[in-house]
Amino acid sequence: MVASSWRDGLTRIADAPAVLAGIYFITLVAALPLATAIGFDINEHLGSSLTANEVADSVNYDWWQEFASQGGFLTLTSTFTPSIVGFATTLDSISSLLDKRPIVPAIAFALGFYMFVWVFLQGGILDRYARGRRIGAYGFFAASGIFFLRVPGDLLDAGN
């Protein structure tokens, strides 16, 4: 029973590659401006120095610490720490949340945008997977609009 449910779910996901492509695209759109800004800051900080060659060849922890501390705590460069590599990002985010550390405004804006888009699209995604057949762009966005803010509200009401 459980295995057949998993198989059915994975089949529905595999049958909807446009949904997966859309999810990838939205994630890229949310992350690209932040990555570009960090890239420009790194390029400006390193320039054509000897340190730039060292950083290009291997990890230079001293430079990394200097760069991350240059703009203050609530700047985007302060987020460029060793914890961004791998699963440590998740642990660092949870630690920040539990420690009630303030969030960098640029990250808060990107996160807000990402969450808003997810809340809008989740109705269409769930409708597409529930039907198990193509619904087209019109049907997808119609379902997204119909269920916009209803699904999160229903989840909150379920707790009562």
N, C-alpha and C. Protein backbone atom coordinates (compact mmCIF):
# COMPACT_ATOMS: atom_id res chain seq x y z
N MET A 1 0.83 -1.19 0.00
CA MET A 1 0.00 0.00 0.00
C MET A 1 0.88 1.26 0.00
N VAL A 2 1.83 1.34 0.92
CA VAL A 2 2.71 2.51 0.99
C VAL A 2 3.57 2.59 -0.25
N ALA A 3 4.12 1.48 -0.68
CA ALA A 3 4.98 1.47 -1.86
C ALA A 3 4.20 1.90 -3.10
N SER A 4 2.96 1.47 -3.24
CA SER A 4 2.17 1.86 -4.41
C SER A 4 1.83 3.35 -4.36
N SER A 5 1.62 3.90 -3.17
CA SER A 5 1.36 5.34 -3.04
C SER A 5 2.59 6.14 -3.46
N TRP A 6 3.77 5.71 -3.02
CA TRP A 6 5.01 6.36 -3.41
C TRP A 6 5.21 6.27 -4.92
N ARG A 7 4.98 5.09 -5.47
CA ARG A 7 5.15 4.88 -6.91
C ARG A 7 4.19 5.79 -7.69
N ASP A 8 2.93 5.87 -7.24
CA ASP A 8 1.95 6.73 -7.90
C ASP A 8 2.38 8.19 -7.83
N GLY A 9 2.84 8.64 -6.67
CA GLY A 9 3.30 10.02 -6.52
C GLY A 9 4.49 10.34 -7.41
N LEU A 10 5.46 9.44 -7.44
CA LEU A 10 6.64 9.67 -8.28
C LEU A 10 6.28 9.64 -9.77
N THR A 11 5.32 8.81 -10.13
CA THR A 11 4.86 8.77 -11.52
C THR A 11 4.19 10.09 -11.90
N ARG A 12 3.37 10.63 -11.00
CA ARG A 12 2.71 11.92 -11.27
C ARG A 12 3.74 13.04 -11.41
N ILE A 13 4.77 13.00 -10.60
CA ILE A 13 5.82 14.01 -10.71
C ILE A 13 6.58 13.86 -12.03
N ALA A 14 6.90 12.63 -12.40
CA ALA A 14 7.63 12.38 -13.65
C ALA A 14 6.80 12.75 -14.86
N ASP A 15 5.48 12.65 -14.75
CA ASP A 15 4.60 12.99 -15.87
C ASP A 15 4.36 14.49 -16.02
N ALA A 16 4.94 15.29 -15.14
CA ALA A 16 4.75 16.74 -15.19
C ALA A 16 6.10 17.46 -15.19
N PRO A 17 6.89 17.29 -16.25
CA PRO A 17 8.21 17.93 -16.26
C PRO A 17 8.13 19.46 -16.30
N ALA A 18 7.05 20.01 -16.82
CA ALA A 18 6.93 21.47 -16.85
C ALA A 18 6.84 22.04 -15.44
N VAL A 19 6.21 21.31 -14.52
CA VAL A 19 6.13 21.77 -13.13
C VAL A 19 7.53 21.80 -12.52
N LEU A 20 8.31 20.75 -12.75
CA LEU A 20 9.68 20.72 -12.22
C LEU A 20 10.53 21.83 -12.83
N ALA A 21 10.37 22.06 -14.14
CA ALA A 21 11.12 23.14 -14.79
C ALA A 21 10.72 24.49 -14.22
N GLY A 22 9.43 24.69 -13.96
CA GLY A 22 8.96 25.94 -13.38
C GLY A 22 9.49 26.16 -11.98
N ILE A 23 9.52 25.10 -11.18
CA ILE A 23 10.05 25.21 -9.83
C ILE A 23 11.54 25.58 -9.87
N TYR A 24 12.28 24.96 -10.78
CA TYR A 24 13.70 25.28 -10.94
C TYR A 24 13.86 26.74 -11.35
N PHE A 25 13.04 27.19 -12.30
CA PHE A 25 13.14 28.56 -12.81
C PHE A 25 12.84 29.57 -11.71
N ILE A 26 11.80 29.35 -10.93
CA ILE A 26 11.45 30.28 -9.84
C ILE A 26 12.57 30.34 -8.81
N THR A 27 13.16 29.21 -8.49
CA THR A 27 14.28 29.18 -7.54
C THR A 27 15.46 29.96 -8.11
N LEU A 28 15.73 29.80 -9.40
CA LEU A 28 16.81 30.53 -10.06
C LEU A 28 16.56 32.03 -10.05
N VAL A 29 15.33 32.43 -10.35
CA VAL A 29 14.98 33.85 -10.38
C VAL A 29 15.13 34.48 -8.99
N ALA A 30 14.80 33.73 -7.95
CA ALA A 30 14.93 34.25 -6.59
C ALA A 30 16.39 34.35 -6.16
N ALA A 31 17.23 33.40 -6.59
CA ALA A 31 18.62 33.35 -6.12
C ALA A 31 19.59 34.15 -6.99
N LEU A 32 19.30 34.30 -8.27
CA LEU A 32 20.25 34.92 -9.19
C LEU A 32 20.63 36.35 -8.83
N PRO A 33 19.70 37.22 -8.46
CA PRO A 33 20.12 38.59 -8.10
C PRO A 33 21.08 38.62 -6.90
N LEU A 34 20.83 37.76 -5.91
CA LEU A 34 21.71 37.73 -4.74
C LEU A 34 23.09 37.20 -5.11
N ALA A 35 23.12 36.14 -5.91
CA ALA A 35 24.40 35.57 -6.34
C ALA A 35 25.18 36.57 -7.20
N THR A 36 24.47 37.28 -8.05
CA THR A 36 25.13 38.28 -8.90
C THR A 36 25.72 39.41 -8.06
N ALA A 37 24.96 39.87 -7.06
CA ALA A 37 25.45 40.94 -6.18
C ALA A 37 26.70 40.49 -5.42
N ILE A 38 26.66 39.28 -4.89
CA ILE A 38 27.85 38.75 -4.19
C ILE A 38 29.03 38.63 -5.16
N GLY A 39 28.77 38.16 -6.36
CA GLY A 39 29.83 38.04 -7.37
C GLY A 39 30.47 39.38 -7.68
N PHE A 40 29.66 40.43 -7.85
CA PHE A 40 30.21 41.77 -8.10
C PHE A 40 31.03 42.25 -6.91
N ASP A 41 30.54 41.99 -5.69
CA ASP A 41 31.28 42.40 -4.49
C ASP A 41 32.63 41.68 -4.39
N ILE A 42 32.63 40.38 -4.70
CA ILE A 42 33.89 39.62 -4.67
C ILE A 42 34.86 40.16 -5.71
N ASN A 43 34.35 40.41 -6.91
CA ASN A 43 35.19 40.93 -7.99
C ASN A 43 35.76 42.29 -7.62
N GLU A 44 34.95 43.13 -7.02
CA GLU A 44 35.41 44.46 -6.61
C GLU A 44 36.45 44.36 -5.49
N HIS A 45 36.24 43.45 -4.56
CA HIS A 45 37.14 43.30 -3.43
C HIS A 45 38.49 42.72 -3.86
N LEU A 46 38.47 41.75 -4.75
CA LEU A 46 39.71 41.09 -5.16
C LEU A 46 40.43 41.85 -6.26
N GLY A 47 39.67 42.35 -7.23
CA GLY A 47 40.29 43.02 -8.36
C GLY A 47 41.27 42.10 -9.07
N SER A 48 42.45 42.62 -9.41
CA SER A 48 43.47 41.81 -10.08
C SER A 48 44.67 41.60 -9.15
N SER A 49 44.39 41.41 -7.88
CA SER A 49 45.44 41.25 -6.88
C SER A 49 46.01 39.83 -6.90
N LEU A 50 47.11 39.65 -6.17
CA LEU A 50 47.69 38.32 -6.02
C LEU A 50 46.74 37.41 -5.24
N THR A 51 46.00 37.99 -4.32
CA THR A 51 45.03 37.21 -3.56
C THR A 51 43.97 36.62 -4.48
N ALA A 52 43.62 37.34 -5.54
CA ALA A 52 42.63 36.83 -6.50
C ALA A 52 43.11 35.52 -7.11
N ASN A 53 44.39 35.45 -7.42
CA ASN A 53 44.94 34.20 -7.97
C ASN A 53 44.89 33.07 -6.94
N GLU A 54 45.22 33.40 -5.69
CA GLU A 54 45.18 32.39 -4.62
C GLU A 54 43.75 31.88 -4.41
N VAL A 55 42.79 32.81 -4.40
CA VAL A 55 41.39 32.44 -4.19
C VAL A 55 40.88 31.60 -5.36
N ALA A 56 41.35 31.91 -6.57
CA ALA A 56 40.92 31.14 -7.75
C ALA A 56 41.49 29.72 -7.71
N ASP A 57 42.66 29.56 -7.12
CA ASP A 57 43.30 28.24 -7.08
C ASP A 57 42.79 27.36 -5.95
N SER A 58 42.53 27.95 -4.80
CA SER A 58 42.10 27.16 -3.64
C SER A 58 41.36 28.07 -2.66
N VAL A 59 40.87 27.49 -1.61
CA VAL A 59 40.16 28.25 -0.59
C VAL A 59 41.16 29.04 0.25
N ASN A 60 40.94 30.32 0.37
CA ASN A 60 41.76 31.18 1.20
C ASN A 60 40.88 31.65 2.36
N TYR A 61 40.95 30.92 3.46
CA TYR A 61 40.06 31.17 4.59
C TYR A 61 40.25 32.58 5.18
N ASP A 62 41.47 33.06 5.24
CA ASP A 62 41.72 34.40 5.78
C ASP A 62 41.03 35.47 4.94
N TRP A 63 41.17 35.35 3.61
CA TRP A 63 40.49 36.31 2.74
C TRP A 63 38.97 36.20 2.91
N TRP A 64 38.47 34.97 2.98
CA TRP A 64 37.05 34.74 3.11
C TRP A 64 36.50 35.45 4.35
N GLN A 65 37.19 35.33 5.49
CA GLN A 65 36.77 35.98 6.72
C GLN A 65 36.82 37.50 6.59
N GLU A 66 37.88 37.99 5.96
CA GLU A 66 38.01 39.44 5.75
C GLU A 66 36.86 39.96 4.89
N PHE A 67 36.56 39.25 3.81
CA PHE A 67 35.49 39.67 2.91
C PHE A 67 34.13 39.67 3.60
N ALA A 68 33.84 38.61 4.34
CA ALA A 68 32.54 38.48 5.01
C ALA A 68 32.34 39.55 6.08
N SER A 69 33.42 40.03 6.67
CA SER A 69 33.29 41.01 7.75
C SER A 69 33.38 42.45 7.26
N GLN A 70 33.61 42.68 5.99
CA GLN A 70 33.87 44.04 5.51
C GLN A 70 32.67 44.96 5.53
N GLY A 71 31.47 44.44 5.38
CA GLY A 71 30.33 45.33 5.23
C GLY A 71 29.44 45.45 6.45
N GLY A 72 29.73 44.79 7.50
CA GLY A 72 28.85 44.84 8.67
C GLY A 72 27.94 43.62 8.72
N PHE A 73 27.18 43.52 9.81
CA PHE A 73 26.40 42.32 10.08
C PHE A 73 25.21 42.15 9.14
N LEU A 74 24.52 43.22 8.80
CA LEU A 74 23.29 43.09 8.01
C LEU A 74 23.50 43.37 6.53
N THR A 75 24.69 43.12 6.02
CA THR A 75 24.93 43.28 4.59
C THR A 75 24.94 41.90 3.92
N LEU A 76 24.78 41.91 2.63
CA LEU A 76 24.76 40.66 1.88
C LEU A 76 26.11 39.95 1.96
N THR A 77 27.20 40.70 2.02
CA THR A 77 28.52 40.06 2.10
C THR A 77 28.70 39.30 3.40
N SER A 78 27.97 39.69 4.44
CA SER A 78 28.10 38.99 5.73
C SER A 78 27.55 37.57 5.66
N THR A 79 26.76 37.28 4.64
CA THR A 79 26.20 35.93 4.49
C THR A 79 27.14 34.98 3.76
N PHE A 80 28.21 35.51 3.20
CA PHE A 80 29.17 34.70 2.44
C PHE A 80 30.16 34.08 3.42
N THR A 81 29.72 33.03 4.09
CA THR A 81 30.53 32.36 5.10
C THR A 81 30.72 30.89 4.73
N PRO A 82 31.61 30.18 5.40
CA PRO A 82 31.78 28.75 5.09
C PRO A 82 30.51 27.92 5.29
N SER A 83 29.57 28.44 6.06
CA SER A 83 28.35 27.67 6.29
C SER A 83 27.44 27.61 5.07
N ILE A 84 27.78 28.30 3.98
CA ILE A 84 26.94 28.24 2.78
C ILE A 84 27.18 26.99 1.96
N VAL A 85 28.16 26.21 2.35
CA VAL A 85 28.52 25.02 1.59
C VAL A 85 27.77 23.80 2.13
N GLY A 86 27.00 23.15 1.28
CA GLY A 86 26.34 21.90 1.66
C GLY A 86 25.22 22.06 2.65
N PHE A 87 25.02 21.03 3.46
CA PHE A 87 23.91 20.99 4.41
C PHE A 87 24.11 21.96 5.56
N ALA A 88 25.31 22.49 5.72
CA ALA A 88 25.57 23.45 6.79
C ALA A 88 24.68 24.68 6.66
N THR A 89 24.25 25.01 5.44
CA THR A 89 23.35 26.15 5.24
C THR A 89 22.06 25.95 6.02
N THR A 90 21.50 24.76 5.92
CA THR A 90 20.25 24.47 6.64
C THR A 90 20.46 24.58 8.14
N LEU A 91 21.53 24.02 8.64
CA LEU A 91 21.81 24.08 10.08
C LEU A 91 22.05 25.51 10.54
N ASP A 92 22.76 26.30 9.73
CA ASP A 92 23.01 27.70 10.08
C ASP A 92 21.71 28.50 10.08
N SER A 93 20.84 28.23 9.14
CA SER A 93 19.55 28.93 9.09
C SER A 93 18.70 28.60 10.30
N ILE A 94 18.66 27.34 10.68
CA ILE A 94 17.90 26.93 11.85
C ILE A 94 18.50 27.57 13.11
N SER A 95 19.82 27.57 13.20
CA SER A 95 20.49 28.18 14.34
C SER A 95 20.18 29.67 14.42
N SER A 96 20.20 30.37 13.29
CA SER A 96 19.88 31.80 13.26
C SER A 96 18.45 32.05 13.72
N LEU A 97 17.54 31.19 13.27
CA LEU A 97 16.14 31.33 13.66
C LEU A 97 15.97 31.13 15.16
N LEU A 98 16.59 30.09 15.69
CA LEU A 98 16.46 29.80 17.13
C LEU A 98 17.16 30.84 18.00
N ASP A 99 18.26 31.40 17.48
CA ASP A 99 18.98 32.44 18.22
C ASP A 99 18.35 33.82 18.05
N LYS A 100 17.33 33.91 17.21
CA LYS A 100 16.62 35.16 16.93
C LYS A 100 17.55 36.25 16.40
N ARG A 101 18.49 35.83 15.53
CA ARG A 101 19.37 36.80 14.89
C ARG A 101 18.60 37.51 13.77
N PRO A 102 18.84 38.80 13.56
CA PRO A 102 18.14 39.51 12.49
C PRO A 102 18.56 38.98 11.11
N ILE A 103 17.64 39.05 10.18
CA ILE A 103 17.91 38.56 8.83
C ILE A 103 18.37 39.73 7.96
N VAL A 104 19.28 39.47 7.05
CA VAL A 104 19.79 40.48 6.13
C VAL A 104 18.63 40.95 5.25
N PRO A 105 18.41 42.26 5.11
CA PRO A 105 17.26 42.77 4.35
C PRO A 105 17.16 42.21 2.92
N ALA A 106 18.27 42.08 2.22
CA ALA A 106 18.22 41.55 0.85
C ALA A 106 17.74 40.10 0.84
N ILE A 107 18.18 39.33 1.82
CA ILE A 107 17.75 37.94 1.93
C ILE A 107 16.26 37.89 2.31
N ALA A 108 15.84 38.77 3.21
CA ALA A 108 14.43 38.81 3.62
C ALA A 108 13.54 39.13 2.42
N PHE A 109 13.96 40.06 1.57
CA PHE A 109 13.18 40.41 0.38
C PHE A 109 13.09 39.22 -0.57
N ALA A 110 14.23 38.57 -0.83
CA ALA A 110 14.24 37.41 -1.73
C ALA A 110 13.39 36.28 -1.16
N LEU A 111 13.49 36.06 0.14
CA LEU A 111 12.69 35.02 0.78
C LEU A 111 11.20 35.34 0.71
N GLY A 112 10.85 36.60 0.93
CA GLY A 112 9.46 37.02 0.82
C GLY A 112 8.91 36.81 -0.58
N PHE A 113 9.70 37.19 -1.59
CA PHE A 113 9.30 36.98 -2.98
C PHE A 113 9.10 35.50 -3.27
N TYR A 114 10.05 34.69 -2.83
CA TYR A 114 10.01 33.25 -3.07
C TYR A 114 8.79 32.62 -2.41
N MET A 115 8.53 33.00 -1.17
CA MET A 115 7.37 32.45 -0.45
C MET A 115 6.05 32.90 -1.08
N PHE A 116 5.97 34.16 -1.52
CA PHE A 116 4.76 34.67 -2.17
C PHE A 116 4.48 33.88 -3.45
N VAL A 117 5.51 33.65 -4.25
CA VAL A 117 5.33 32.88 -5.49
C VAL A 117 4.91 31.45 -5.17
N TRP A 118 5.51 30.84 -4.16
CA TRP A 118 5.13 29.48 -3.76
C TRP A 118 3.69 29.40 -3.30
N VAL A 119 3.26 30.37 -2.50
CA VAL A 119 1.88 30.37 -2.02
C VAL A 119 0.93 30.49 -3.21
N PHE A 120 1.31 31.29 -4.21
CA PHE A 120 0.47 31.42 -5.40
C PHE A 120 0.45 30.14 -6.22
N LEU A 121 1.61 29.55 -6.47
CA LEU A 121 1.70 28.40 -7.38
C LEU A 121 1.29 27.07 -6.77
N GLN A 122 1.26 26.96 -5.45
CA GLN A 122 1.00 25.66 -4.84
C GLN A 122 -0.36 25.09 -5.21
N GLY A 123 -1.38 25.93 -5.39
CA GLY A 123 -2.69 25.43 -5.78
C GLY A 123 -2.65 24.78 -7.15
N GLY A 124 -1.95 25.41 -8.10
CA GLY A 124 -1.82 24.85 -9.44
C GLY A 124 -1.00 23.57 -9.45
N ILE A 125 0.06 23.54 -8.65
CA ILE A 125 0.91 22.35 -8.58
C ILE A 125 0.12 21.17 -8.00
N LEU A 126 -0.56 21.42 -6.88
CA LEU A 126 -1.34 20.35 -6.27
C LEU A 126 -2.48 19.88 -7.18
N ASP A 127 -3.13 20.83 -7.88
CA ASP A 127 -4.21 20.47 -8.79
C ASP A 127 -3.68 19.61 -9.94
N ARG A 128 -2.52 19.99 -10.48
CA ARG A 128 -1.92 19.23 -11.59
C ARG A 128 -1.58 17.81 -11.14
N TYR A 129 -0.97 17.69 -9.98
CA TYR A 129 -0.61 16.36 -9.49
C TYR A 129 -1.84 15.54 -9.10
N ALA A 130 -2.86 16.18 -8.56
CA ALA A 130 -4.07 15.45 -8.16
C ALA A 130 -4.82 14.92 -9.38
N ARG A 131 -4.89 15.69 -10.45
CA ARG A 131 -5.59 15.25 -11.66
C ARG A 131 -4.82 14.15 -12.39
N GLY A 132 -3.50 14.23 -12.33
CA GLY A 132 -2.69 13.22 -13.00
C GLY A 132 -2.73 13.32 -14.52
N ARG A 133 -3.09 14.49 -15.02
CA ARG A 133 -3.12 14.72 -16.48
C ARG A 133 -2.81 16.18 -16.75
N ARG A 134 -2.50 16.46 -18.00
CA ARG A 134 -2.18 17.84 -18.38
C ARG A 134 -3.39 18.74 -18.20
N ILE A 135 -3.15 19.95 -17.70
CA ILE A 135 -4.25 20.90 -17.54
C ILE A 135 -3.97 22.19 -18.31
N GLY A 136 -2.79 22.32 -18.90
CA GLY A 136 -2.44 23.51 -19.67
C GLY A 136 -2.15 24.69 -18.76
N ALA A 137 -1.58 25.73 -19.36
CA ALA A 137 -1.20 26.92 -18.59
C ALA A 137 -2.43 27.62 -18.01
N TYR A 138 -3.51 27.72 -18.81
CA TYR A 138 -4.72 28.38 -18.33
C TYR A 138 -5.28 27.65 -17.10
N GLY A 139 -5.40 26.34 -17.19
CA GLY A 139 -5.92 25.56 -16.07
C GLY A 139 -5.01 25.64 -14.85
N PHE A 140 -3.71 25.61 -15.09
CA PHE A 140 -2.74 25.68 -13.99
C PHE A 140 -2.88 27.00 -13.23
N PHE A 141 -2.86 28.11 -13.97
CA PHE A 141 -2.93 29.42 -13.30
C PHE A 141 -4.32 29.71 -12.76
N ALA A 142 -5.35 29.13 -13.37
CA ALA A 142 -6.70 29.26 -12.80
C ALA A 142 -6.75 28.58 -11.44
N ALA A 143 -6.22 27.38 -11.35
CA ALA A 143 -6.18 26.67 -10.07
C ALA A 143 -5.31 27.41 -9.07
N SER A 144 -4.20 27.98 -9.54
CA SER A 144 -3.34 28.75 -8.65
C SER A 144 -4.09 29.94 -8.08
N GLY A 145 -4.84 30.64 -8.93
CA GLY A 145 -5.61 31.80 -8.47
C GLY A 145 -6.74 31.42 -7.53
N ILE A 146 -7.43 30.32 -7.84
CA ILE A 146 -8.54 29.89 -6.99
C ILE A 146 -8.06 29.53 -5.60
N PHE A 147 -6.94 28.83 -5.52
CA PHE A 147 -6.45 28.35 -4.23
C PHE A 147 -5.45 29.28 -3.57
N PHE A 148 -5.17 30.43 -4.19
CA PHE A 148 -4.23 31.39 -3.62
C PHE A 148 -4.72 31.81 -2.23
N LEU A 149 -3.90 31.66 -1.26
CA LEU A 149 -4.15 31.96 0.15
C LEU A 149 -5.18 31.04 0.81
N ARG A 150 -5.85 30.17 0.05
CA ARG A 150 -6.80 29.25 0.68
C ARG A 150 -6.07 28.07 1.31
N VAL A 151 -5.07 27.54 0.62
CA VAL A 151 -4.36 26.37 1.15
C VAL A 151 -3.65 26.71 2.45
N PRO A 152 -2.87 27.82 2.53
CA PRO A 152 -2.25 28.13 3.82
C PRO A 152 -3.29 28.39 4.90
N GLY A 153 -4.41 29.06 4.54
CA GLY A 153 -5.45 29.32 5.52
C GLY A 153 -6.09 28.02 6.01
N ASP A 154 -6.31 27.08 5.09
CA ASP A 154 -6.87 25.79 5.47
C ASP A 154 -5.93 25.02 6.40
N LEU A 155 -4.64 25.13 6.15
CA LEU A 155 -3.69 24.46 7.02
C LEU A 155 -3.69 25.06 8.42
N LEU A 156 -3.82 26.40 8.49
CA LEU A 156 -3.88 27.05 9.80
C LEU A 156 -5.17 26.70 10.52
N ASP A 157 -6.28 26.62 9.79
CA ASP A 157 -7.56 26.27 10.41
C ASP A 157 -7.57 24.82 10.89
N ALA A 158 -6.81 23.95 10.23
CA ALA A 158 -6.78 22.54 10.62
C ALA A 158 -6.18 22.35 12.00
N GLY A 159 -5.37 23.31 12.45
CA GLY A 159 -4.75 23.22 13.76
C GLY A 159 -5.71 23.52 14.90
N ASN A 160 -6.86 24.12 14.58
CA ASN A 160 -7.83 24.50 15.63
C ASN A 160 -8.77 23.38 15.98
